[in-house]
Amino acid sequence: MTMIFIHKNVFILTLLSVCFWSAKSQSIQKNLNKELIAKVGTLCEETTNYNPCAGIEMYVTLFFDEQKVTLSEKEVTTCGKETVIFSGTYSWKIASNQEITIDFESKQIGGTYLKEMVFAKEDSVIIGRIRQFNGQVMKHIFKEKL
């Protein structure tokens, strides 16, 4: 009788675990194994001489798989030169409030735009919210990179 009870508990725990991981992946399923990108800022330098490459666009990219996410922050000049400011791969999870928690330490991403960004799933898209210096919250929508 005890053996049947133990097997029943193991089965229930296994079933709950499978349901949890299935719910996690379904809630973000359409975004798995795709590079997602959002333009998060622009910068234009004033130069004394004509310089067509003085402008910069800043991007954040995400690449989710079932357990890890690769985050990158990069700058692209108006001439098309790309510079990766930061890149790293971390564990992630999605909370019941649809906020996405990424397990990185602040010091690893210090000085990057990512440090203050809060990720979440809104409807079927991934968004990143960041509070600006003036207190306003900016929302960036991540779209599949084509």
C-alpha atoms as a PDB file:
ATOM      1  CA  MET A   1       0.000   0.000   0.000  1.00  0.00           C
ATOM      2  CA  THR A   2       2.858   2.395   0.859  1.00  0.00           C
ATOM      3  CA  MET A   3       4.542   1.680  -2.493  1.00  0.00           C
ATOM      4  CA  ILE A   4       1.374   2.599  -4.406  1.00  0.00           C
ATOM      5  CA  PHE A   5       1.099   5.840  -2.401  1.00  0.00           C
ATOM      6  CA  ILE A   6       4.759   6.750  -3.158  1.00  0.00           C
ATOM      7  CA  HIS A   7       4.340   5.987  -6.880  1.00  0.00           C
ATOM      8  CA  LYS A   8       1.153   8.064  -6.937  1.00  0.00           C
ATOM      9  CA  ASN A   9       2.998  11.029  -5.322  1.00  0.00           C
ATOM     10  CA  VAL A  10       5.930  10.715  -7.743  1.00  0.00           C
ATOM     11  CA  PHE A  11       3.481  10.628 -10.652  1.00  0.00           C
ATOM     12  CA  ILE A  12       1.642  13.729  -9.383  1.00  0.00           C
ATOM     13  CA  LEU A  13       4.917  15.633  -8.852  1.00  0.00           C
ATOM     14  CA  THR A  14       6.112  14.660 -12.323  1.00  0.00           C
ATOM     15  CA  LEU A  15       2.801  15.710 -13.850  1.00  0.00           C
ATOM     16  CA  LEU A  16       2.876  19.072 -12.029  1.00  0.00           C
ATOM     17  CA  SER A  17       6.460  19.665 -13.166  1.00  0.00           C
ATOM     18  CA  VAL A  18       5.589  18.905 -16.796  1.00  0.00           C
ATOM     19  CA  CYS A  19       2.546  21.194 -16.581  1.00  0.00           C
ATOM     20  CA  PHE A  20       4.662  24.019 -15.122  1.00  0.00           C
ATOM     21  CA  TRP A  21       7.333  23.817 -17.842  1.00  0.00           C
ATOM     22  CA  SER A  22       4.685  23.416 -20.517  1.00  0.00           C
ATOM     23  CA  ALA A  23       2.842  26.523 -19.289  1.00  0.00           C
ATOM     24  CA  LYS A  24       6.116  28.457 -19.176  1.00  0.00           C
ATOM     25  CA  SER A  25       7.029  27.580 -22.735  1.00  0.00           C
ATOM     26  CA  GLN A  26       3.487  28.071 -24.074  1.00  0.00           C
ATOM     27  CA  SER A  27       3.278  31.547 -22.598  1.00  0.00           C
ATOM     28  CA  ILE A  28       6.281  32.606 -24.671  1.00  0.00           C
ATOM     29  CA  GLN A  29       6.310  29.802 -27.249  1.00  0.00           C
ATOM     30  CA  LYS A  30       6.023  31.966 -30.360  1.00  0.00           C
ATOM     31  CA  ASN A  31       9.119  33.911 -29.276  1.00  0.00           C
ATOM     32  CA  LEU A  32      11.391  30.924 -28.675  1.00  0.00           C
ATOM     33  CA  ASN A  33      14.429  30.377 -30.903  1.00  0.00           C
ATOM     34  CA  LYS A  34      13.992  33.713 -32.693  1.00  0.00           C
ATOM     35  CA  GLU A  35      16.126  36.803 -32.500  1.00  0.00           C
ATOM     36  CA  LEU A  36      13.995  39.634 -31.125  1.00  0.00           C
ATOM     37  CA  ILE A  37      15.147  43.235 -31.448  1.00  0.00           C
ATOM     38  CA  ALA A  38      14.062  46.655 -30.210  1.00  0.00           C
ATOM     39  CA  LYS A  39      15.505  50.066 -31.012  1.00  0.00           C
ATOM     40  CA  VAL A  40      16.004  51.685 -27.609  1.00  0.00           C
ATOM     41  CA  GLY A  41      17.661  54.972 -28.457  1.00  0.00           C
ATOM     42  CA  THR A  42      19.504  57.273 -30.819  1.00  0.00           C
ATOM     43  CA  LEU A  43      22.453  59.552 -30.416  1.00  0.00           C
ATOM     44  CA  CYS A  44      23.707  62.203 -32.777  1.00  0.00           C
ATOM     45  CA  GLU A  45      27.067  63.903 -32.297  1.00  0.00           C
ATOM     46  CA  GLU A  46      27.600  67.421 -33.458  1.00  0.00           C
ATOM     47  CA  THR A  47      30.848  67.602 -35.407  1.00  0.00           C
ATOM     48  CA  THR A  48      32.818  70.524 -36.792  1.00  0.00           C
ATOM     49  CA  ASN A  49      33.407  68.698 -40.079  1.00  0.00           C
ATOM     50  CA  TYR A  50      30.890  66.773 -42.149  1.00  0.00           C
ATOM     51  CA  ASN A  51      30.684  63.240 -40.753  1.00  0.00           C
ATOM     52  CA  PRO A  52      27.891  61.015 -42.083  1.00  0.00           C
ATOM     53  CA  CYS A  53      28.753  58.372 -39.464  1.00  0.00           C
ATOM     54  CA  ALA A  54      28.219  60.629 -36.411  1.00  0.00           C
ATOM     55  CA  GLY A  55      24.771  59.210 -35.652  1.00  0.00           C
ATOM     56  CA  ILE A  56      24.205  56.064 -33.601  1.00  0.00           C
ATOM     57  CA  GLU A  57      21.130  53.886 -33.066  1.00  0.00           C
ATOM     58  CA  MET A  58      21.066  51.672 -29.954  1.00  0.00           C
ATOM     59  CA  TYR A  59      19.425  48.232 -29.966  1.00  0.00           C
ATOM     60  CA  VAL A  60      18.724  45.457 -27.484  1.00  0.00           C
ATOM     61  CA  THR A  61      18.370  41.907 -28.828  1.00  0.00           C
ATOM     62  CA  LEU A  62      16.952  38.835 -27.096  1.00  0.00           C
ATOM     63  CA  PHE A  63      17.165  35.182 -28.069  1.00  0.00           C
ATOM     64  CA  PHE A  64      15.088  32.841 -25.861  1.00  0.00           C
ATOM     65  CA  ASP A  65      15.278  29.074 -25.735  1.00  0.00           C
ATOM     66  CA  GLU A  66      13.429  26.923 -23.201  1.00  0.00           C
ATOM     67  CA  GLN A  67      15.768  27.762 -20.298  1.00  0.00           C
ATOM     68  CA  LYS A  68      18.247  30.453 -21.369  1.00  0.00           C
ATOM     69  CA  VAL A  69      18.099  33.875 -22.949  1.00  0.00           C
ATOM     70  CA  THR A  70      20.959  35.607 -24.752  1.00  0.00           C
ATOM     71  CA  LEU A  71      20.847  39.383 -24.336  1.00  0.00           C
ATOM     72  CA  SER A  72      22.858  41.821 -26.402  1.00  0.00           C
ATOM     73  CA  GLU A  73      23.138  45.561 -26.473  1.00  0.00           C
ATOM     74  CA  LYS A  74      24.634  47.050 -29.592  1.00  0.00           C
ATOM     75  CA  GLU A  75      25.150  50.331 -31.364  1.00  0.00           C
ATOM     76  CA  VAL A  76      24.875  50.809 -35.121  1.00  0.00           C
ATOM     77  CA  THR A  77      26.316  53.931 -36.748  1.00  0.00           C
ATOM     78  CA  THR A  78      24.476  55.680 -39.542  1.00  0.00           C
ATOM     79  CA  CYS A  79      27.167  54.146 -41.801  1.00  0.00           C
ATOM     80  CA  GLY A  80      26.133  50.634 -40.701  1.00  0.00           C
ATOM     81  CA  LYS A  81      29.092  49.784 -38.420  1.00  0.00           C
ATOM     82  CA  GLU A  82      27.923  47.570 -35.533  1.00  0.00           C
ATOM     83  CA  THR A  83      29.526  47.546 -32.100  1.00  0.00           C
ATOM     84  CA  VAL A  84      28.387  45.056 -29.445  1.00  0.00           C
ATOM     85  CA  ILE A  85      28.406  46.840 -26.091  1.00  0.00           C
ATOM     86  CA  PHE A  86      27.322  43.809 -24.059  1.00  0.00           C
ATOM     87  CA  SER A  87      26.331  40.186 -24.635  1.00  0.00           C
ATOM     88  CA  GLY A  88      25.539  37.399 -22.187  1.00  0.00           C
ATOM     89  CA  THR A  89      23.451  34.247 -21.729  1.00  0.00           C
ATOM     90  CA  TYR A  90      21.374  33.728 -18.590  1.00  0.00           C
ATOM     91  CA  SER A  91      18.579  31.627 -17.123  1.00  0.00           C
ATOM     92  CA  TRP A  92      15.104  33.124 -17.266  1.00  0.00           C
ATOM     93  CA  LYS A  93      11.618  32.503 -15.934  1.00  0.00           C
ATOM     94  CA  ILE A  94       8.226  34.065 -16.389  1.00  0.00           C
ATOM     95  CA  ALA A  95       6.152  35.020 -13.349  1.00  0.00           C
ATOM     96  CA  SER A  96       2.380  34.801 -13.025  1.00  0.00           C
ATOM     97  CA  ASN A  97       2.199  38.576 -13.633  1.00  0.00           C
ATOM     98  CA  GLN A  98       3.913  37.915 -17.017  1.00  0.00           C
ATOM     99  CA  GLU A  99       7.119  39.668 -15.932  1.00  0.00           C
ATOM    100  CA  ILE A 100      10.256  37.941 -17.211  1.00  0.00           C
ATOM    101  CA  THR A 101      13.001  37.514 -14.646  1.00  0.00           C
ATOM    102  CA  ILE A 102      16.518  37.143 -16.017  1.00  0.00           C
ATOM    103  CA  ASP A 103      19.159  35.831 -13.609  1.00  0.00           C
ATOM    104  CA  PHE A 104      22.031  38.244 -14.096  1.00  0.00           C
ATOM    105  CA  GLU A 105      23.879  40.308 -11.554  1.00  0.00           C
ATOM    106  CA  SER A 106      23.706  44.107 -11.849  1.00  0.00           C
ATOM    107  CA  LYS A 107      27.492  44.402 -11.898  1.00  0.00           C
ATOM    108  CA  GLN A 108      27.626  42.185 -15.002  1.00  0.00           C
ATOM    109  CA  ILE A 109      25.496  44.639 -16.950  1.00  0.00           C
ATOM    110  CA  GLY A 110      26.541  47.858 -15.216  1.00  0.00           C
ATOM    111  CA  GLY A 111      26.758  50.832 -17.543  1.00  0.00           C
ATOM    112  CA  THR A 112      24.419  49.285 -20.117  1.00  0.00           C
ATOM    113  CA  TYR A 113      20.862  50.129 -21.072  1.00  0.00           C
ATOM    114  CA  LEU A 114      19.876  46.629 -19.922  1.00  0.00           C
ATOM    115  CA  LYS A 115      20.611  47.407 -16.274  1.00  0.00           C
ATOM    116  CA  GLU A 116      17.366  49.322 -15.777  1.00  0.00           C
ATOM    117  CA  MET A 117      15.159  47.445 -18.258  1.00  0.00           C
ATOM    118  CA  VAL A 118      12.263  45.302 -16.998  1.00  0.00           C
ATOM    119  CA  PHE A 119      11.085  42.615 -19.429  1.00  0.00           C
ATOM    120  CA  ALA A 120       7.554  41.242 -19.651  1.00  0.00           C
ATOM    121  CA  LYS A 121       5.174  39.402 -21.939  1.00  0.00           C
ATOM    122  CA  GLU A 122       2.282  41.605 -22.961  1.00  0.00           C
ATOM    123  CA  ASP A 123      -0.359  39.884 -25.036  1.00  0.00           C
ATOM    124  CA  SER A 124       1.841  37.783 -27.323  1.00  0.00           C
ATOM    125  CA  VAL A 125       4.869  40.096 -27.543  1.00  0.00           C
ATOM    126  CA  ILE A 126       7.921  40.711 -25.382  1.00  0.00           C
ATOM    127  CA  ILE A 127       8.319  44.253 -24.121  1.00  0.00           C
ATOM    128  CA  GLY A 128      11.028  46.055 -22.211  1.00  0.00           C
ATOM    129  CA  ARG A 129      10.165  48.949 -19.912  1.00  0.00           C
ATOM    130  CA  ILE A 130      12.669  51.467 -18.644  1.00  0.00           C
ATOM    131  CA  ARG A 131      12.233  54.539 -16.457  1.00  0.00           C
ATOM    132  CA  GLN A 132      13.840  57.627 -17.972  1.00  0.00           C
ATOM    133  CA  PHE A 133      15.667  60.294 -15.939  1.00  0.00           C
ATOM    134  CA  ASN A 134      12.520  62.448 -16.012  1.00  0.00           C
ATOM    135  CA  GLY A 135      10.460  59.624 -14.447  1.00  0.00           C
ATOM    136  CA  GLN A 136       8.615  58.731 -17.638  1.00  0.00           C
ATOM    137  CA  VAL A 137       8.433  55.006 -18.433  1.00  0.00           C
ATOM    138  CA  MET A 138       9.370  54.083 -21.995  1.00  0.00           C
ATOM    139  CA  LYS A 139       8.033  50.838 -23.452  1.00  0.00           C
ATOM    140  CA  HIS A 140      10.040  49.073 -26.144  1.00  0.00           C
ATOM    141  CA  ILE A 141       8.409  46.324 -28.192  1.00  0.00           C
ATOM    142  CA  PHE A 142      10.651  43.475 -29.308  1.00  0.00           C
ATOM    143  CA  LYS A 143       9.983  42.260 -32.833  1.00  0.00           C
ATOM    144  CA  GLU A 144      11.442  39.341 -34.723  1.00  0.00           C
ATOM    145  CA  LYS A 145      14.577  40.344 -36.578  1.00  0.00           C
ATOM    146  CA  LEU A 146      14.150  39.628 -40.245  1.00  0.00           C
END
